[in-house]
């Protein structure tokens, strides 16, 4: 019989900040993969990538900086979206592991409604080939991102929180 320590003790849970970051990344990747995948097959799919390019271009121009063009603009927008959505979806875990899926979904719903309703009012225009279904799918994408973030946080942090509540570690 082996006496290797990992066979007798579970690996320590990652620090809370790492669990928050991992859950935020899960939410960001969910939204991005839905947006990038479905837009290739559905003509009226959400095009948050286009709105992101418009926002990045406007922001850089307002700062007196020449924005990138073509593929470089797309890559910069994708990176900015992943970073900002990771930070945003990390908030799903701040209410604790048990509540994280609900909190994440609520955050996603609010973000999705904002993403669907606000762009024309802040100078970004409408999404390409926008229809009511486009706006509904925008809300759904962000809600699913929030749910994914919450589920990942609960999976990563749930055992540690139960242990703390039961008087352990």
Protein backbone atom coordinates (compact mmCIF):
# COMPACT_ATOMS: atom_id res chain seq x y z
CA UNK A 1 0.00 0.00 0.00
CA UNK A 2 1.36 3.40 -0.96
CA UNK A 3 1.99 6.08 1.61
CA UNK A 4 1.90 8.88 -0.91
CA UNK A 5 0.21 11.85 0.83
CA UNK A 6 -2.08 12.70 -2.10
CA UNK A 7 -3.71 9.29 -1.75
CA UNK A 8 -4.81 10.06 1.80
CA UNK A 9 -5.61 13.77 1.72
CA UNK A 10 -7.54 15.70 -0.89
CA UNK A 11 -5.68 18.48 -2.61
CA UNK A 12 -6.19 21.81 -0.92
CA UNK A 13 -8.86 24.00 -2.47
CA UNK A 14 -7.58 26.93 -4.50
CA UNK A 15 -7.60 30.34 -2.83
CA UNK A 16 -10.94 32.17 -3.02
CA UNK A 17 -9.60 34.72 -5.53
CA UNK A 18 -8.66 31.84 -7.85
CA UNK A 19 -12.13 30.32 -7.56
CA UNK A 20 -13.65 33.73 -8.36
CA UNK A 21 -11.33 34.17 -11.35
CA UNK A 22 -12.02 30.66 -12.64
CA UNK A 23 -15.78 31.13 -12.35
CA UNK A 24 -15.55 34.53 -14.04
CA UNK A 25 -13.57 33.01 -16.89
CA UNK A 26 -16.16 30.24 -17.25
CA UNK A 27 -18.90 32.85 -17.61
CA UNK A 28 -16.88 34.92 -20.07
CA UNK A 29 -16.04 31.90 -22.20
CA UNK A 30 -19.67 30.78 -22.21
CA UNK A 31 -20.87 34.13 -23.56
CA UNK A 32 -18.03 34.36 -26.07
CA UNK A 33 -18.45 30.81 -27.38
CA UNK A 34 -22.20 31.27 -27.76
CA UNK A 35 -21.73 34.60 -29.53
CA UNK A 36 -18.95 33.39 -31.80
CA UNK A 37 -20.47 30.00 -32.58
CA UNK A 38 -24.10 30.86 -33.18
CA UNK A 39 -23.40 33.96 -35.25
CA UNK A 40 -21.80 31.71 -37.87
CA UNK A 41 -25.01 29.75 -38.42
CA UNK A 42 -27.88 32.06 -37.46
CA UNK A 43 -28.28 35.29 -39.46
CA UNK A 44 -30.02 37.20 -36.66
CA UNK A 45 -27.77 35.94 -33.86
CA UNK A 46 -26.44 38.44 -31.33
CA UNK A 47 -23.44 40.36 -32.65
CA UNK A 48 -21.92 41.68 -29.46
CA UNK A 49 -18.56 41.46 -31.25
CA UNK A 50 -19.66 44.24 -33.62
CA UNK A 51 -20.92 46.39 -30.75
CA UNK A 52 -17.65 45.75 -28.92
CA UNK A 53 -15.62 46.85 -31.94
CA UNK A 54 -17.69 50.03 -32.18
CA UNK A 55 -17.23 50.73 -28.47
CA UNK A 56 -13.47 50.09 -28.56
CA UNK A 57 -13.04 52.25 -31.66
CA UNK A 58 -15.04 55.11 -30.13
CA UNK A 59 -13.15 54.89 -26.85
CA UNK A 60 -9.73 54.88 -28.48
CA UNK A 61 -10.66 57.74 -30.80
CA UNK A 62 -11.97 59.76 -27.84
CA UNK A 63 -8.62 59.17 -26.14
CA UNK A 64 -6.80 60.47 -29.22
CA UNK A 65 -5.49 57.04 -30.18
CA UNK A 66 -5.86 55.48 -33.59
CA UNK A 67 -7.83 52.22 -33.23
CA UNK A 68 -6.63 49.01 -34.83
CA UNK A 69 -8.32 47.85 -38.03
CA UNK A 70 -9.60 44.52 -39.35
CA UNK A 71 -8.33 41.43 -37.61
CA UNK A 72 -6.37 43.44 -35.07
CA UNK A 73 -9.53 45.29 -34.01
CA UNK A 74 -11.40 41.99 -33.72
CA UNK A 75 -8.61 40.44 -31.60
CA UNK A 76 -8.35 43.49 -29.34
CA UNK A 77 -12.11 43.54 -28.85
CA UNK A 78 -12.22 39.82 -28.10
CA UNK A 79 -9.43 40.19 -25.53
CA UNK A 80 -11.15 43.18 -23.91
CA UNK A 81 -14.48 41.34 -23.81
CA UNK A 82 -12.94 38.25 -22.22
CA UNK A 83 -11.10 40.33 -19.61
CA UNK A 84 -14.04 42.55 -18.68
CA UNK A 85 -16.56 39.69 -18.68
CA UNK A 86 -14.23 37.57 -16.53
CA UNK A 87 -14.08 40.32 -13.93
CA UNK A 88 -17.83 40.89 -14.12
CA UNK A 89 -18.83 37.23 -13.86
CA UNK A 90 -16.43 36.69 -10.95
CA UNK A 91 -18.97 38.66 -8.92
CA UNK A 92 -21.24 35.59 -9.03
CA UNK A 93 -19.26 34.03 -6.20
CA UNK A 94 -19.31 36.96 -3.81
CA UNK A 95 -22.61 35.83 -2.28
CA UNK A 96 -21.24 32.39 -1.42
CA UNK A 97 -21.18 29.04 -3.18
CA UNK A 98 -24.78 28.08 -2.47
CA UNK A 99 -26.15 31.30 -3.93
CA UNK A 100 -23.63 31.65 -6.78
CA UNK A 101 -25.73 30.12 -9.59
CA UNK A 102 -28.68 32.40 -8.77
CA UNK A 103 -26.50 35.46 -8.31
CA UNK A 104 -24.63 34.71 -11.52
CA UNK A 105 -27.83 34.23 -13.48
CA UNK A 106 -29.25 37.49 -12.11
CA UNK A 107 -26.06 39.34 -13.02
CA UNK A 108 -26.20 37.83 -16.49
CA UNK A 109 -29.84 38.81 -16.96
CA UNK A 110 -29.13 42.41 -15.99
CA UNK A 111 -26.08 42.52 -18.24
CA UNK A 112 -27.96 40.93 -21.11
CA UNK A 113 -30.84 43.39 -20.84
CA UNK A 114 -28.29 46.20 -20.84
CA UNK A 115 -26.50 44.70 -23.82
CA UNK A 116 -29.76 44.40 -25.71
CA UNK A 117 -31.31 47.74 -24.81
CA UNK A 118 -28.52 50.27 -24.32
CA UNK A 119 -26.30 50.27 -27.45
CA UNK A 120 -28.55 52.52 -29.58
CA UNK A 121 -28.88 54.94 -26.65
CA UNK A 122 -25.13 55.26 -26.10
CA UNK A 123 -24.17 55.79 -29.73
CA UNK A 124 -23.28 52.22 -30.70
CA UNK A 125 -26.28 51.66 -32.97
CA UNK A 126 -28.11 48.39 -33.41
CA UNK A 127 -26.69 44.93 -33.88
CA UNK A 128 -26.40 43.79 -37.51
CA UNK A 129 -29.63 42.17 -38.75
CA UNK A 130 -31.19 42.90 -35.36
CA UNK A 131 -34.63 41.44 -34.70
CA UNK A 132 -36.56 40.82 -31.48
CA UNK A 133 -35.04 37.31 -31.42
CA UNK A 134 -31.57 38.87 -31.54
CA UNK A 135 -32.28 40.89 -28.42
CA UNK A 136 -33.82 37.92 -26.62
CA UNK A 137 -30.80 35.74 -27.46
CA UNK A 138 -28.49 38.49 -26.18
CA UNK A 139 -30.20 38.31 -22.80
CA UNK A 140 -30.11 34.50 -22.85
CA UNK A 141 -26.37 34.39 -23.72
CA UNK A 142 -25.46 36.63 -20.79
CA UNK A 143 -27.78 34.79 -18.39
CA UNK A 144 -26.17 31.49 -19.40
CA UNK A 145 -22.75 33.04 -18.84
CA UNK A 146 -23.82 34.02 -15.34
CA UNK A 147 -25.25 30.58 -14.64
CA UNK A 148 -22.01 28.94 -15.83
CA UNK A 149 -19.97 31.25 -13.60
CA UNK A 150 -22.14 30.45 -10.60
CA UNK A 151 -22.08 26.71 -11.18
CA UNK A 152 -18.30 26.68 -11.53
CA UNK A 153 -17.90 28.74 -8.37
CA UNK A 154 -20.22 26.42 -6.44
CA UNK A 155 -18.32 23.39 -7.71
CA UNK A 156 -14.95 24.84 -6.75
CA UNK A 157 -15.86 26.48 -3.44
CA UNK A 158 -18.86 24.50 -2.21
CA UNK A 159 -16.98 21.85 -0.27
CA UNK A 160 -14.79 24.40 1.48
CA UNK A 161 -17.80 26.50 2.49
CA UNK A 162 -19.66 23.43 3.83
CA UNK A 163 -16.56 22.50 5.80
CA UNK A 164 -16.35 25.99 7.34
CA UNK A 165 -20.07 25.93 8.24
CA UNK A 166 -19.70 22.52 9.87
CA UNK A 167 -16.84 23.72 12.10
CA UNK A 168 -13.99 22.32 9.97
CA UNK A 169 -11.06 24.15 8.40
